[in-house]
Amino acid sequence: MSGPDVPDPAGFGGTRWVERCDSTNTLVRAMVADLPATAAPRAVAIADQQTAGRGRLDRRWEARPGSALMLSVAHEAPGRPELLSALPLAMGLAALEAIGEVTGVEPRLKWPNDVVVDAPGQRWLKLGGILGESFDDPRGPAASSVTTSSVTTSSGTTGRVAVLGIGINTGWESPRSDLPEATSLNLLIGRTVDRRALAHELLVRYQRWWRRLLVGDGAAFQAALHERSATLGQRVRVELPTSVLVGTATSITAGGALVVNDDQGVRNEVTVGDVVHLRAAEGG
């Protein structure tokens, strides 16, 4: 489905759609490095096939030709850490809305970065995942001083660039025995998924959530996360860098942190961790 670069629908600058790349996150970083110093660090990379992509915790994320929408968007990183950490969840909300618009499927978000659907006999099946990163603008301090109307807010800027990468399974030939906890949109709806329409809706809707965060509309963001969460109300095990937390997921903050009340009744805010949904028999 590769072809001419597609028009940018959401103010993210140039968009490249390529047949194959190692990682769309890597490609979009290179696109930013090639921009003039006077341009905002914005770009979009989309690939038909990704051969060396990464998910959270450096897990591999690869896609066979035409089997997924693999997309990365780069833009100015907000100056406030809580806004930066909220961006992957903003991309997640955008994905839920875009998938619903294009296919009619109504997925949910498993904190922090999985797009999932309910499945008979299972808690959920994974449709996609999100990876957020940030890096110093490769064009140097002169480029870092560039500001635009969309980022001239109380959030400030840092001279860094945020990259949000997402993969959504869209074109599997059949269920995959090597990925029993995953599925693809075409298998759910019984027809081909228009990946260009999905990419368009995803970018437009992500831009809306990004701007809402920048202007301080955390309440709407938090409400949307609560409404579409697959994690809230679940008993969970959170695998932290140096420990394990077991308890009930009760809330998501406006900055995207997961609130877990442990078995001693202590409230914990988790910003980084791998979350496992526990069945009743797995309570501890």
C-alpha atoms as a PDB file:
ATOM      1  CA  MET A   1       0.000   0.000   0.000  1.00  0.00           C
ATOM      2  CA  SER A   2       2.995   2.255  -0.136  1.00  0.00           C
ATOM      3  CA  GLY A   3       3.017   5.054  -2.616  1.00  0.00           C
ATOM      4  CA  PRO A   4       3.402   8.807  -2.844  1.00  0.00           C
ATOM      5  CA  ASP A   5       3.744  10.619   0.437  1.00  0.00           C
ATOM      6  CA  VAL A   6       0.303  11.382   1.765  1.00  0.00           C
ATOM      7  CA  PRO A   7      -0.964  14.889   2.594  1.00  0.00           C
ATOM      8  CA  ASP A   8      -0.634  15.854   6.245  1.00  0.00           C
ATOM      9  CA  PRO A   9      -4.116  16.162   7.758  1.00  0.00           C
ATOM     10  CA  ALA A  10      -3.201  17.430  11.197  1.00  0.00           C
ATOM     11  CA  GLY A  11      -0.364  19.947  11.059  1.00  0.00           C
ATOM     12  CA  PHE A  12       2.429  17.454  11.694  1.00  0.00           C
ATOM     13  CA  GLY A  13       4.496  18.454   8.674  1.00  0.00           C
ATOM     14  CA  GLY A  14       5.731  16.050   6.023  1.00  0.00           C
ATOM     15  CA  THR A  15       4.452  12.468   5.885  1.00  0.00           C
ATOM     16  CA  ARG A  16       6.412   9.592   4.353  1.00  0.00           C
ATOM     17  CA  TRP A  17       4.783   6.234   3.621  1.00  0.00           C
ATOM     18  CA  VAL A  18       7.407   3.630   2.747  1.00  0.00           C
ATOM     19  CA  GLU A  19       7.265  -0.031   1.786  1.00  0.00           C
ATOM     20  CA  ARG A  20       9.807  -1.170   4.364  1.00  0.00           C
ATOM     21  CA  CYS A  21      11.922   0.202   7.186  1.00  0.00           C
ATOM     22  CA  ASP A  22      13.605  -1.081  10.306  1.00  0.00           C
ATOM     23  CA  SER A  23      11.492   1.126  12.599  1.00  0.00           C
ATOM     24  CA  THR A  24       9.109   4.010  11.950  1.00  0.00           C
ATOM     25  CA  ASN A  25      10.401   5.674  15.138  1.00  0.00           C
ATOM     26  CA  THR A  26      13.920   5.611  13.698  1.00  0.00           C
ATOM     27  CA  LEU A  27      12.686   6.876  10.334  1.00  0.00           C
ATOM     28  CA  VAL A  28      10.754   9.792  11.811  1.00  0.00           C
ATOM     29  CA  ARG A  29      13.791  10.843  13.868  1.00  0.00           C
ATOM     30  CA  ALA A  30      15.823  10.987  10.667  1.00  0.00           C
ATOM     31  CA  MET A  31      13.087  13.059   9.035  1.00  0.00           C
ATOM     32  CA  VAL A  32      13.263  15.586  11.879  1.00  0.00           C
ATOM     33  CA  ALA A  33      17.056  15.790  11.530  1.00  0.00           C
ATOM     34  CA  ASP A  34      16.624  16.721   7.841  1.00  0.00           C
ATOM     35  CA  LEU A  35      14.208  19.598   8.517  1.00  0.00           C
ATOM     36  CA  PRO A  36      15.385  23.228   8.235  1.00  0.00           C
ATOM     37  CA  ALA A  37      16.388  24.771  11.555  1.00  0.00           C
ATOM     38  CA  THR A  38      13.506  27.233  11.219  1.00  0.00           C
ATOM     39  CA  ALA A  39      10.886  24.480  11.003  1.00  0.00           C
ATOM     40  CA  ALA A  40       9.043  22.946  13.941  1.00  0.00           C
ATOM     41  CA  PRO A  41      10.286  19.379  14.595  1.00  0.00           C
ATOM     42  CA  ARG A  42       7.224  17.673  13.188  1.00  0.00           C
ATOM     43  CA  ALA A  43       7.007  14.671  10.863  1.00  0.00           C
ATOM     44  CA  VAL A  44       5.069  11.447  10.290  1.00  0.00           C
ATOM     45  CA  ALA A  45       6.482   8.104   9.133  1.00  0.00           C
ATOM     46  CA  ILE A  46       4.323   5.153   8.038  1.00  0.00           C
ATOM     47  CA  ALA A  47       5.529   1.770   6.791  1.00  0.00           C
ATOM     48  CA  ASP A  48       3.982  -1.283   5.150  1.00  0.00           C
ATOM     49  CA  GLN A  49       6.588  -3.480   6.817  1.00  0.00           C
ATOM     50  CA  GLN A  50       8.701  -2.969   9.928  1.00  0.00           C
ATOM     51  CA  THR A  51      11.637  -5.314  10.492  1.00  0.00           C
ATOM     52  CA  ALA A  52      13.266  -4.122  13.730  1.00  0.00           C
ATOM     53  CA  GLY A  53      10.675  -2.151  15.633  1.00  0.00           C
ATOM     54  CA  ARG A  54      10.616  -1.872  19.399  1.00  0.00           C
ATOM     55  CA  GLY A  55       7.825  -1.875  21.922  1.00  0.00           C
ATOM     56  CA  ARG A  56       7.982  -1.021  25.607  1.00  0.00           C
ATOM     57  CA  LEU A  57      10.858  -2.528  27.593  1.00  0.00           C
ATOM     58  CA  ASP A  58      12.755  -3.045  24.298  1.00  0.00           C
ATOM     59  CA  ARG A  59      10.446  -5.837  23.167  1.00  0.00           C
ATOM     60  CA  ARG A  60      10.567  -6.496  19.446  1.00  0.00           C
ATOM     61  CA  TRP A  61       7.650  -5.255  17.358  1.00  0.00           C
ATOM     62  CA  GLU A  62       7.768  -6.448  13.762  1.00  0.00           C
ATOM     63  CA  ALA A  63       5.081  -6.600  11.096  1.00  0.00           C
ATOM     64  CA  ARG A  64       4.725  -8.637   7.954  1.00  0.00           C
ATOM     65  CA  PRO A  65       4.126  -6.676   4.720  1.00  0.00           C
ATOM     66  CA  GLY A  66       0.673  -5.083   4.735  1.00  0.00           C
ATOM     67  CA  SER A  67      -0.418  -6.739   7.987  1.00  0.00           C
ATOM     68  CA  ALA A  68      -0.521  -3.627  10.174  1.00  0.00           C
ATOM     69  CA  LEU A  69      -0.612   0.143  10.284  1.00  0.00           C
ATOM     70  CA  MET A  70       2.850   1.102  11.554  1.00  0.00           C
ATOM     71  CA  LEU A  71       2.998   4.855  12.228  1.00  0.00           C
ATOM     72  CA  SER A  72       5.205   7.276  14.154  1.00  0.00           C
ATOM     73  CA  VAL A  73       4.607  10.975  14.698  1.00  0.00           C
ATOM     74  CA  ALA A  74       7.164  13.499  15.955  1.00  0.00           C
ATOM     75  CA  HIS A  75       6.470  16.916  17.446  1.00  0.00           C
ATOM     76  CA  GLU A  76       7.723  19.308  20.113  1.00  0.00           C
ATOM     77  CA  ALA A  77       7.979  17.694  23.531  1.00  0.00           C
ATOM     78  CA  PRO A  78       6.035  19.567  26.231  1.00  0.00           C
ATOM     79  CA  GLY A  79       8.089  21.043  29.037  1.00  0.00           C
ATOM     80  CA  ARG A  80       6.026  19.556  31.870  1.00  0.00           C
ATOM     81  CA  PRO A  81       6.985  15.931  32.624  1.00  0.00           C
ATOM     82  CA  GLU A  82       3.416  14.885  33.385  1.00  0.00           C
ATOM     83  CA  LEU A  83       2.319  16.034  29.924  1.00  0.00           C
ATOM     84  CA  LEU A  84       5.125  14.138  28.254  1.00  0.00           C
ATOM     85  CA  SER A  85       4.194  10.950  30.102  1.00  0.00           C
ATOM     86  CA  ALA A  86       0.542  11.411  29.099  1.00  0.00           C
ATOM     87  CA  LEU A  87       1.249  11.470  25.347  1.00  0.00           C
ATOM     88  CA  PRO A  88       1.229   7.674  24.803  1.00  0.00           C
ATOM     89  CA  LEU A  89      -2.198   7.496  26.430  1.00  0.00           C
ATOM     90  CA  ALA A  90      -3.346  10.394  24.225  1.00  0.00           C
ATOM     91  CA  MET A  91      -2.224   8.353  21.217  1.00  0.00           C
ATOM     92  CA  GLY A  92      -4.124   5.416  22.682  1.00  0.00           C
ATOM     93  CA  LEU A  93      -7.342   7.424  22.916  1.00  0.00           C
ATOM     94  CA  ALA A  94      -6.814   8.619  19.353  1.00  0.00           C
ATOM     95  CA  ALA A  95      -6.410   5.009  18.232  1.00  0.00           C
ATOM     96  CA  LEU A  96      -9.643   3.936  19.934  1.00  0.00           C
ATOM     97  CA  GLU A  97     -11.547   6.758  18.266  1.00  0.00           C
ATOM     98  CA  ALA A  98      -9.969   6.189  14.835  1.00  0.00           C
ATOM     99  CA  ILE A  99     -10.615   2.434  14.924  1.00  0.00           C
ATOM    100  CA  GLY A 100     -14.225   3.037  15.904  1.00  0.00           C
ATOM    101  CA  GLU A 101     -14.709   5.565  13.107  1.00  0.00           C
ATOM    102  CA  VAL A 102     -13.164   3.435  10.345  1.00  0.00           C
ATOM    103  CA  THR A 103     -14.225  -0.095  11.363  1.00  0.00           C
ATOM    104  CA  GLY A 104     -16.984   0.160  13.962  1.00  0.00           C
ATOM    105  CA  VAL A 105     -14.906  -1.870  16.436  1.00  0.00           C
ATOM    106  CA  GLU A 106     -14.893  -0.409  19.963  1.00  0.00           C
ATOM    107  CA  PRO A 107     -11.587  -1.368  21.628  1.00  0.00           C
ATOM    108  CA  ARG A 108     -10.271  -0.325  25.020  1.00  0.00           C
ATOM    109  CA  LEU A 109      -6.935   0.670  26.526  1.00  0.00           C
ATOM    110  CA  LYS A 110      -4.995  -1.655  28.779  1.00  0.00           C
ATOM    111  CA  TRP A 111      -2.683   0.584  30.793  1.00  0.00           C
ATOM    112  CA  PRO A 112      -0.185   1.765  29.807  1.00  0.00           C
ATOM    113  CA  ASN A 113       0.057   1.102  26.079  1.00  0.00           C
ATOM    114  CA  ASP A 114      -2.060  -1.734  24.672  1.00  0.00           C
ATOM    115  CA  VAL A 115      -5.130  -1.444  22.440  1.00  0.00           C
ATOM    116  CA  VAL A 116      -7.336  -4.444  23.234  1.00  0.00           C
ATOM    117  CA  VAL A 117     -10.757  -5.943  22.493  1.00  0.00           C
ATOM    118  CA  ASP A 118     -12.905  -8.204  24.633  1.00  0.00           C
ATOM    119  CA  ALA A 119     -12.805 -11.858  23.592  1.00  0.00           C
ATOM    120  CA  PRO A 120     -15.060 -14.799  24.513  1.00  0.00           C
ATOM    121  CA  GLY A 121     -13.293 -17.000  27.040  1.00  0.00           C
ATOM    122  CA  GLN A 122     -10.464 -14.484  27.493  1.00  0.00           C
ATOM    123  CA  ARG A 123     -10.163 -11.108  29.156  1.00  0.00           C
ATOM    124  CA  TRP A 124      -8.984  -9.454  25.955  1.00  0.00           C
ATOM    125  CA  LEU A 125      -7.081  -9.793  22.691  1.00  0.00           C
ATOM    126  CA  LYS A 126      -4.419  -7.282  21.703  1.00  0.00           C
ATOM    127  CA  LEU A 127      -4.928  -5.191  18.566  1.00  0.00           C
ATOM    128  CA  GLY A 128      -1.948  -2.879  18.898  1.00  0.00           C
ATOM    129  CA  GLY A 129       0.619  -1.159  21.043  1.00  0.00           C
ATOM    130  CA  ILE A 130       2.203   2.251  21.557  1.00  0.00           C
ATOM    131  CA  LEU A 131       5.739   3.398  22.325  1.00  0.00           C
ATOM    132  CA  GLY A 132       6.560   6.946  23.458  1.00  0.00           C
ATOM    133  CA  GLU A 133      10.093   8.382  23.379  1.00  0.00           C
ATOM    134  CA  SER A 134      11.773  11.767  23.500  1.00  0.00           C
ATOM    135  CA  PHE A 135      15.170  13.015  22.354  1.00  0.00           C
ATOM    136  CA  ASP A 136      17.166  16.223  21.940  1.00  0.00           C
ATOM    137  CA  ASP A 137      16.395  18.026  18.711  1.00  0.00           C
ATOM    138  CA  PRO A 138      19.216  16.799  16.415  1.00  0.00           C
ATOM    139  CA  ARG A 139      19.357  20.168  14.650  1.00  0.00           C
ATOM    140  CA  GLY A 140      20.800  21.857  17.725  1.00  0.00           C
ATOM    141  CA  PRO A 141      19.959  24.835  19.965  1.00  0.00           C
ATOM    142  CA  ALA A 142      18.966  27.155  17.122  1.00  0.00           C
ATOM    143  CA  ALA A 143      16.195  24.802  16.069  1.00  0.00           C
ATOM    144  CA  SER A 144      15.175  24.306  19.695  1.00  0.00           C
ATOM    145  CA  SER A 145      14.313  27.995  19.976  1.00  0.00           C
ATOM    146  CA  VAL A 146      11.616  27.727  17.303  1.00  0.00           C
ATOM    147  CA  THR A 147       8.084  28.031  18.703  1.00  0.00           C
ATOM    148  CA  THR A 148       4.697  27.826  17.067  1.00  0.00           C
ATOM    149  CA  SER A 149       1.235  28.876  18.125  1.00  0.00           C
ATOM    150  CA  SER A 150       0.262  25.299  19.020  1.00  0.00           C
ATOM    151  CA  VAL A 151       2.954  25.011  21.687  1.00  0.00           C
ATOM    152  CA  THR A 152       3.005  28.545  23.072  1.00  0.00           C
ATOM    153  CA  THR A 153       1.189  27.551  26.253  1.00  0.00           C
ATOM    154  CA  SER A 154       1.858  27.199  29.932  1.00  0.00           C
ATOM    155  CA  SER A 155       3.350  23.764  29.246  1.00  0.00           C
ATOM    156  CA  GLY A 156       6.504  25.348  27.830  1.00  0.00           C
ATOM    157  CA  THR A 157       8.975  23.613  25.528  1.00  0.00           C
ATOM    158  CA  THR A 158      12.299  21.950  26.258  1.00  0.00           C
ATOM    159  CA  GLY A 159      14.231  21.781  22.998  1.00  0.00           C
ATOM    160  CA  ARG A 160      13.357  18.102  22.900  1.00  0.00           C
ATOM    161  CA  VAL A 161      11.235  16.138  20.451  1.00  0.00           C
ATOM    162  CA  ALA A 162       8.510  13.654  21.362  1.00  0.00           C
ATOM    163  CA  VAL A 163       7.957  10.580  19.199  1.00  0.00           C
ATOM    164  CA  LEU A 164       4.833   8.438  19.460  1.00  0.00           C
ATOM    165  CA  GLY A 165       4.962   5.147  17.603  1.00  0.00           C
ATOM    166  CA  ILE A 166       1.955   2.889  17.186  1.00  0.00           C
ATOM    167  CA  GLY A 167       1.272  -0.440  15.520  1.00  0.00           C
ATOM    168  CA  ILE A 168      -2.292  -1.627  14.843  1.00  0.00           C
ATOM    169  CA  ASN A 169      -2.933  -5.080  13.399  1.00  0.00           C
ATOM    170  CA  THR A 170      -5.108  -4.605  10.321  1.00  0.00           C
ATOM    171  CA  GLY A 171      -4.476  -7.356   7.747  1.00  0.00           C
ATOM    172  CA  TRP A 172      -3.791 -10.833   9.083  1.00  0.00           C
ATOM    173  CA  GLU A 173      -4.603 -13.745   6.768  1.00  0.00           C
ATOM    174  CA  SER A 174      -5.766 -15.842   9.739  1.00  0.00           C
ATOM    175  CA  PRO A 175      -5.337 -16.055  13.524  1.00  0.00           C
ATOM    176  CA  ARG A 176      -1.672 -16.549  14.435  1.00  0.00           C
ATOM    177  CA  SER A 177      -0.700 -19.497  16.599  1.00  0.00           C
ATOM    178  CA  ASP A 178       2.477 -17.648  17.634  1.00  0.00           C
ATOM    179  CA  LEU A 179       0.381 -14.741  18.964  1.00  0.00           C
ATOM    180  CA  PRO A 180      -2.590 -16.381  20.704  1.00  0.00           C
ATOM    181  CA  GLU A 181      -3.389 -13.258  22.759  1.00  0.00           C
ATOM    182  CA  ALA A 182      -3.601 -10.977  19.716  1.00  0.00           C
ATOM    183  CA  THR A 183      -5.895 -10.428  16.768  1.00  0.00           C
ATOM    184  CA  SER A 184      -6.372  -8.171  13.743  1.00  0.00           C
ATOM    185  CA  LEU A 185      -9.096  -5.714  12.774  1.00  0.00           C
ATOM    186  CA  ASN A 186      -9.870  -7.434   9.463  1.00  0.00           C
ATOM    187  CA  LEU A 187     -10.555 -10.708  11.284  1.00  0.00           C
ATOM    188  CA  LEU A 188     -12.984  -8.913  13.585  1.00  0.00           C
ATOM    189  CA  ILE A 189     -14.983  -7.163  10.866  1.00  0.00           C
ATOM    190  CA  GLY A 190     -14.654  -9.671   8.014  1.00  0.00           C
ATOM    191  CA  ARG A 191     -13.349  -7.230   5.436  1.00  0.00           C
ATOM    192  CA  THR A 192     -10.265  -5.290   4.371  1.00  0.00           C
ATOM    193  CA  VAL A 193      -9.310  -2.315   6.542  1.00  0.00           C
ATOM    194  CA  ASP A 194      -8.524   0.984   4.795  1.00  0.00           C
ATOM    195  CA  ARG A 195      -5.165   1.802   6.369  1.00  0.00           C
ATOM    196  CA  ARG A 196      -4.963   5.251   4.776  1.00  0.00           C
ATOM    197  CA  ALA A 197      -8.317   6.210   6.273  1.00  0.00           C
ATOM    198  CA  LEU A 198      -7.194   4.792   9.610  1.00  0.00           C
ATOM    199  CA  ALA A 199      -3.924   6.752   9.499  1.00  0.00           C
ATOM    200  CA  HIS A 200      -5.797   9.960   8.635  1.00  0.00           C
ATOM    201  CA  GLU A 201      -8.268   9.577  11.511  1.00  0.00           C
ATOM    202  CA  LEU A 202      -5.495   8.611  13.921  1.00  0.00           C
ATOM    203  CA  LEU A 203      -3.428  11.730  13.200  1.00  0.00           C
ATOM    204  CA  VAL A 204      -6.395  14.106  13.321  1.00  0.00           C
ATOM    205  CA  ARG A 205      -7.613  12.696  16.608  1.00  0.00           C
ATOM    206  CA  TYR A 206      -4.159  12.550  18.205  1.00  0.00           C
ATOM    207  CA  GLN A 207      -3.593  16.197  17.321  1.00  0.00           C
ATOM    208  CA  ARG A 208      -6.839  17.093  19.094  1.00  0.00           C
ATOM    209  CA  TRP A 209      -5.837  15.266  22.293  1.00  0.00           C
ATOM    210  CA  TRP A 210      -2.327  16.729  22.174  1.00  0.00           C
ATOM    211  CA  ARG A 211      -3.693  20.278  21.974  1.00  0.00           C
ATOM    212  CA  ARG A 212      -6.233  19.631  24.710  1.00  0.00           C
ATOM    213  CA  LEU A 213      -3.421  18.497  26.990  1.00  0.00           C
ATOM    214  CA  LEU A 214      -1.351  21.557  26.117  1.00  0.00           C
ATOM    215  CA  VAL A 215      -4.136  23.958  27.051  1.00  0.00           C
ATOM    216  CA  GLY A 216      -4.722  22.196  30.359  1.00  0.00           C
ATOM    217  CA  ASP A 217      -7.867  20.184  29.634  1.00  0.00           C
ATOM    218  CA  GLY A 218      -6.759  17.329  31.873  1.00  0.00           C
ATOM    219  CA  ALA A 219     -10.283  16.686  33.129  1.00  0.00           C
ATOM    220  CA  ALA A 220     -11.590  15.660  29.702  1.00  0.00           C
ATOM    221  CA  PHE A 221      -8.488  13.543  29.148  1.00  0.00           C
ATOM    222  CA  GLN A 222      -8.899  11.767  32.471  1.00  0.00           C
ATOM    223  CA  ALA A 223     -12.621  11.196  31.883  1.00  0.00           C
ATOM    224  CA  ALA A 224     -11.951   9.630  28.483  1.00  0.00           C
ATOM    225  CA  LEU A 225      -9.271   7.355  29.947  1.00  0.00           C
ATOM    226  CA  HIS A 226     -11.643   6.176  32.660  1.00  0.00           C
ATOM    227  CA  GLU A 227     -14.434   5.517  30.172  1.00  0.00           C
ATOM    228  CA  ARG A 228     -12.275   3.453  27.786  1.00  0.00           C
ATOM    229  CA  SER A 229      -9.962   1.684  30.228  1.00  0.00           C
ATOM    230  CA  ALA A 230      -9.706  -2.104  30.299  1.00  0.00           C
ATOM    231  CA  THR A 231      -7.613  -1.920  33.487  1.00  0.00           C
ATOM    232  CA  LEU A 232      -9.669   0.063  35.986  1.00  0.00           C
ATOM    233  CA  GLY A 233     -11.527  -2.096  38.479  1.00  0.00           C
ATOM    234  CA  GLN A 234      -9.251  -5.036  37.766  1.00  0.00           C
ATOM    235  CA  ARG A 235      -7.015  -6.795  40.236  1.00  0.00           C
ATOM    236  CA  VAL A 236      -3.527  -6.318  38.830  1.00  0.00           C
ATOM    237  CA  ARG A 237       0.102  -7.191  39.336  1.00  0.00           C
ATOM    238  CA  VAL A 238       2.433  -4.341  38.401  1.00  0.00           C
ATOM    239  CA  GLU A 239       5.989  -5.383  37.667  1.00  0.00           C
ATOM    240  CA  LEU A 240       8.064  -2.367  38.705  1.00  0.00           C
ATOM    241  CA  PRO A 241      11.789  -1.911  38.015  1.00  0.00           C
ATOM    242  CA  THR A 242      12.779  -3.199  41.484  1.00  0.00           C
ATOM    243  CA  SER A 243       9.607  -4.672  43.011  1.00  0.00           C
ATOM    244  CA  VAL A 244       6.129  -6.060  42.372  1.00  0.00           C
ATOM    245  CA  LEU A 245       2.885  -4.335  43.369  1.00  0.00           C
ATOM    246  CA  VAL A 246      -0.394  -6.282  43.697  1.00  0.00           C
ATOM    247  CA  GLY A 247      -3.711  -4.585  44.224  1.00  0.00           C
ATOM    248  CA  THR A 248      -6.763  -3.085  42.511  1.00  0.00           C
ATOM    249  CA  ALA A 249      -6.506  -0.460  39.772  1.00  0.00           C
ATOM    250  CA  THR A 250      -8.834   2.328  40.858  1.00  0.00           C
ATOM    251  CA  SER A 251      -8.031   5.408  38.786  1.00  0.00           C
ATOM    252  CA  ILE A 252      -5.851   7.074  36.160  1.00  0.00           C
ATOM    253  CA  THR A 253      -4.559  10.556  36.939  1.00  0.00           C
ATOM    254  CA  ALA A 254      -4.733  13.518  34.560  1.00  0.00           C
ATOM    255  CA  GLY A 255      -1.030  12.913  33.939  1.00  0.00           C
ATOM    256  CA  GLY A 256      -1.639   9.302  32.935  1.00  0.00           C
ATOM    257  CA  ALA A 257      -0.398   7.548  36.102  1.00  0.00           C
ATOM    258  CA  LEU A 258      -2.216   4.386  37.174  1.00  0.00           C
ATOM    259  CA  VAL A 259      -3.521   4.429  40.749  1.00  0.00           C
ATOM    260  CA  VAL A 260      -3.363   1.039  42.471  1.00  0.00           C
ATOM    261  CA  ASN A 261      -4.632   0.411  45.996  1.00  0.00           C
ATOM    262  CA  ASP A 262      -2.553  -2.435  47.426  1.00  0.00           C
ATOM    263  CA  ASP A 263      -3.709  -5.113  49.857  1.00  0.00           C
ATOM    264  CA  GLN A 264      -2.759  -2.915  52.828  1.00  0.00           C
ATOM    265  CA  GLY A 265      -4.987  -0.128  51.544  1.00  0.00           C
ATOM    266  CA  VAL A 266      -2.066   2.065  50.465  1.00  0.00           C
ATOM    267  CA  ARG A 267      -2.620   4.241  47.417  1.00  0.00           C
ATOM    268  CA  ASN A 268       0.186   3.940  44.853  1.00  0.00           C
ATOM    269  CA  GLU A 269       0.656   6.028  41.702  1.00  0.00           C
ATOM    270  CA  VAL A 270       2.455   4.034  39.009  1.00  0.00           C
ATOM    271  CA  THR A 271       4.061   5.860  36.096  1.00  0.00           C
ATOM    272  CA  VAL A 272       6.237   3.047  34.729  1.00  0.00           C
ATOM    273  CA  GLY A 273       5.549  -0.670  34.974  1.00  0.00           C
ATOM    274  CA  ASP A 274       4.267  -3.778  33.241  1.00  0.00           C
ATOM    275  CA  VAL A 275       0.669  -4.564  34.227  1.00  0.00           C
ATOM    276  CA  VAL A 276      -0.814  -8.059  34.361  1.00  0.00           C
ATOM    277  CA  HIS A 277      -4.559  -8.441  34.856  1.00  0.00           C
ATOM    278  CA  LEU A 278      -5.105 -11.156  37.462  1.00  0.00           C
ATOM    279  CA  ARG A 279      -7.943 -13.635  37.460  1.00  0.00           C
ATOM    280  CA  ALA A 280      -9.747 -14.275  40.738  1.00  0.00           C
ATOM    281  CA  ALA A 281      -7.716 -17.416  41.417  1.00  0.00           C
ATOM    282  CA  GLU A 282      -4.498 -15.480  40.953  1.00  0.00           C
ATOM    283  CA  GLY A 283      -5.278 -12.980  43.693  1.00  0.00           C
ATOM    284  CA  GLY A 284      -1.797 -12.812  45.172  1.00  0.00           C
END
